[in-house]
Amino acid sequence: MAEMIRLSALDGTAPIVHHAVAITVAPPPARAIVRGGAPAAAAVGAAFGVPLPATPCRAAVLGARAALWLGPDEWLLLAPEHDVVMSAFPAALADIAGAVIDIGHRQLALRVDGSDASRVLNGGCPLDLQADAFPVGMCTRTVFGKSEIVLWRHAADGFHVEVARSFAAYVFALLREIAIDFVL
């Protein structure tokens, strides 16, 4: 079903490669929000194959799967395979207070990569994205321009941006404008 629901404004959008930054629409992963306490986190982490991080604003990664800490009882799960991921959770939470909500069609992911990725993102994001302040593995909710995003530094020169589909074209266009203005 993820193939059928597309953001028409970004369908077929070519990556932006400008100066030392590339901005691309990421392939659609499976996405889920986990809500619950420590027992739910442990059960979902075991079912997902990646322990959910207990450290604030950190991501745990194993292969192509990632779990991002968004709050004391909230995590974002990302994985390439939708059905396998979502089918494991009902049994894992059978006797535990918690919830796993499929948000695969609510959001879209952008990747911002390159040696100037943090500076381009800082054109619309108020956080200090220098490597010592926002190291690899750090993630958080923040704003980019007028849009709420989840920002995750997955590599020294690479960021994963989760944005609501209704704001994705705006964020993509703003990133493009900042990248173009950056070299002037």
Protein backbone atom coordinates (compact mmCIF):
# COMPACT_ATOMS: atom_id res chain seq x y z
CA MET A 1 0.00 0.00 0.00
CA ALA A 2 2.92 2.37 0.60
CA GLU A 3 3.51 2.31 -3.16
CA MET A 4 0.01 3.68 -3.82
CA ILE A 5 0.09 6.65 -1.48
CA ARG A 6 2.52 9.24 -2.76
CA LEU A 7 3.20 12.88 -2.21
CA SER A 8 2.51 14.22 -5.69
CA ALA A 9 4.60 17.34 -5.14
CA LEU A 10 7.70 15.15 -4.67
CA ASP A 11 6.85 12.27 -7.04
CA GLY A 12 9.80 11.75 -9.33
CA THR A 13 11.68 14.62 -7.70
CA ALA A 14 15.31 14.50 -8.70
CA PRO A 15 17.84 14.74 -5.91
CA ILE A 16 19.31 18.15 -5.30
CA VAL A 17 23.08 18.07 -5.53
CA HIS A 18 24.49 21.49 -5.00
CA HIS A 19 27.96 22.40 -3.81
CA ALA A 20 28.77 19.91 -1.03
CA VAL A 21 25.25 18.74 -0.18
CA ALA A 22 22.78 16.25 -1.66
CA ILE A 23 19.10 16.34 -0.71
CA THR A 24 17.06 13.28 -1.67
CA VAL A 25 13.68 11.76 -0.95
CA ALA A 26 14.45 8.57 0.97
CA PRO A 27 12.86 5.25 0.04
CA PRO A 28 9.67 4.71 2.07
CA PRO A 29 10.49 2.71 5.19
CA ALA A 30 8.07 1.14 7.60
CA ARG A 31 7.43 3.60 10.41
CA ALA A 32 5.83 3.06 13.78
CA ILE A 33 5.50 5.04 16.97
CA VAL A 34 5.88 3.09 20.22
CA ARG A 35 4.28 4.41 23.40
CA GLY A 36 4.71 2.80 26.80
CA GLY A 37 6.97 2.28 29.75
CA ALA A 38 10.04 0.11 30.23
CA PRO A 39 8.19 -3.24 29.92
CA ALA A 40 6.64 -2.20 26.60
CA ALA A 41 9.99 -0.87 25.37
CA ALA A 42 11.72 -4.14 26.22
CA ALA A 43 9.02 -6.25 24.57
CA VAL A 44 8.86 -4.15 21.41
CA GLY A 45 12.65 -3.95 21.21
CA ALA A 46 12.88 -7.74 21.38
CA ALA A 47 10.19 -8.16 18.70
CA PHE A 48 11.79 -5.47 16.51
CA GLY A 49 15.31 -6.85 16.86
CA VAL A 50 16.73 -3.52 18.04
CA PRO A 51 16.69 -2.58 21.73
CA LEU A 52 14.85 0.71 22.15
CA PRO A 53 17.29 3.36 23.44
CA ALA A 54 16.89 4.49 27.03
CA THR A 55 19.27 7.42 26.55
CA PRO A 56 17.44 10.62 25.59
CA CYS A 57 17.81 11.87 22.02
CA ARG A 58 19.70 8.80 20.80
CA ALA A 59 19.12 6.25 18.08
CA ALA A 60 19.87 2.53 18.16
CA VAL A 61 20.64 0.92 14.81
CA LEU A 62 21.01 -2.69 13.75
CA GLY A 63 21.36 -3.31 10.03
CA ALA A 64 18.60 -1.44 8.20
CA ARG A 65 16.45 -0.99 11.31
CA ALA A 66 16.57 1.98 13.66
CA ALA A 67 14.83 2.99 16.89
CA LEU A 68 14.86 6.69 17.75
CA TRP A 69 14.18 8.00 21.28
CA LEU A 70 11.60 10.80 21.06
CA GLY A 71 10.52 11.04 24.69
CA PRO A 72 10.59 9.16 28.00
CA ASP A 73 7.88 6.80 26.74
CA GLU A 74 8.00 7.32 22.95
CA TRP A 75 10.15 5.93 20.16
CA LEU A 76 10.10 6.06 16.37
CA LEU A 77 10.87 2.76 14.63
CA LEU A 78 12.17 2.69 11.05
CA ALA A 79 12.63 -0.46 8.99
CA PRO A 80 12.61 -1.41 5.31
CA GLU A 81 9.93 -4.09 5.56
CA HIS A 82 6.42 -3.07 6.66
CA ASP A 83 4.53 -6.32 7.13
CA VAL A 84 7.27 -8.13 9.02
CA VAL A 85 7.73 -5.23 11.40
CA MET A 86 4.08 -4.54 12.21
CA SER A 87 3.02 -8.19 12.47
CA ALA A 88 5.39 -8.87 15.38
CA PHE A 89 3.98 -6.32 17.81
CA PRO A 90 0.51 -7.56 18.80
CA ALA A 91 1.95 -10.73 20.35
CA ALA A 92 4.81 -8.80 21.99
CA LEU A 93 2.38 -6.46 23.76
CA ALA A 94 -0.32 -9.04 24.54
CA ASP A 95 -0.02 -8.66 28.33
CA ILE A 96 1.83 -5.34 28.51
CA ALA A 97 0.47 -1.79 28.62
CA GLY A 98 1.77 -0.10 25.51
CA ALA A 99 0.99 0.68 21.91
CA VAL A 100 2.60 0.49 18.50
CA ILE A 101 1.00 2.72 15.88
CA ASP A 102 1.75 2.40 12.18
CA ILE A 103 2.54 5.88 10.85
CA GLY A 104 4.01 4.76 7.54
CA HIS A 105 1.67 6.89 5.45
CA ARG A 106 1.75 9.96 7.67
CA GLN A 107 5.37 10.93 7.12
CA LEU A 108 8.03 11.16 4.45
CA ALA A 109 11.79 10.95 4.85
CA LEU A 110 14.40 13.20 3.33
CA ARG A 111 18.14 12.66 3.43
CA VAL A 112 20.57 15.52 3.60
CA ASP A 113 24.13 14.34 2.95
CA GLY A 114 27.49 15.93 2.31
CA SER A 115 30.14 17.98 4.03
CA ASP A 116 27.82 21.02 4.17
CA ALA A 117 24.72 19.08 5.31
CA SER A 118 24.72 20.50 8.84
CA ARG A 119 25.19 24.07 7.63
CA VAL A 120 22.38 23.76 5.08
CA LEU A 121 20.06 22.32 7.75
CA ASN A 122 21.04 25.15 10.08
CA GLY A 123 19.58 27.55 7.51
CA GLY A 124 16.14 26.51 8.77
CA CYS A 125 16.79 24.70 12.07
CA PRO A 126 17.72 26.54 15.29
CA LEU A 127 19.75 23.68 16.80
CA ASP A 128 23.53 23.64 16.91
CA LEU A 129 24.26 20.85 14.41
CA GLN A 130 28.04 20.91 14.71
CA ALA A 131 29.41 17.40 15.30
CA ASP A 132 30.41 18.08 18.92
CA ALA A 133 26.94 19.39 19.83
CA PHE A 134 24.86 17.00 17.67
CA PRO A 135 26.99 13.85 17.21
CA VAL A 136 26.32 10.79 15.07
CA GLY A 137 23.44 8.83 16.60
CA MET A 138 21.68 11.86 18.05
CA CYS A 139 18.03 12.49 17.17
CA THR A 140 15.34 14.90 18.29
CA ARG A 141 12.13 16.62 17.40
CA THR A 142 12.72 20.16 16.26
CA VAL A 143 11.55 22.65 13.67
CA PHE A 144 12.75 23.39 10.19
CA GLY A 145 11.36 26.66 8.96
CA LYS A 146 7.71 26.44 10.01
CA SER A 147 7.53 22.64 10.04
CA GLU A 148 8.00 20.16 12.86
CA ILE A 149 10.53 17.47 11.95
CA VAL A 150 12.39 14.58 13.53
CA LEU A 151 16.09 15.04 12.82
CA TRP A 152 18.57 12.17 13.13
CA ARG A 153 22.29 12.38 12.40
CA HIS A 154 22.97 8.91 11.01
CA ALA A 155 26.50 9.64 9.75
CA ALA A 156 29.18 12.29 10.20
CA ASP A 157 27.96 14.03 7.04
CA GLY A 158 24.43 12.64 6.85
CA PHE A 159 21.03 13.44 8.31
CA HIS A 160 17.65 11.72 8.10
CA VAL A 161 14.69 14.12 8.26
CA GLU A 162 11.19 12.79 9.03
CA VAL A 163 8.47 15.25 8.09
CA ALA A 164 4.70 15.14 7.84
CA ARG A 165 3.66 14.55 4.23
CA SER A 166 1.68 17.78 4.23
CA PHE A 167 4.90 19.74 4.91
CA ALA A 168 7.35 17.65 2.87
CA ALA A 169 7.24 19.75 -0.31
CA TYR A 170 7.73 22.91 1.76
CA VAL A 171 10.73 21.43 3.62
CA PHE A 172 12.24 20.08 0.39
CA ALA A 173 11.87 23.47 -1.34
CA LEU A 174 13.31 25.33 1.63
CA LEU A 175 16.30 22.97 1.76
CA ARG A 176 16.82 23.57 -1.97
CA GLU A 177 16.73 27.34 -1.55
CA ILE A 178 19.15 27.25 1.37
CA ALA A 179 21.55 24.97 -0.55
CA ILE A 180 21.47 27.32 -3.55
CA ASP A 181 21.93 30.45 -1.40
CA PHE A 182 24.67 28.75 0.58
CA VAL A 183 27.24 29.07 -2.20
CA LEU A 184 26.47 32.67 -3.14
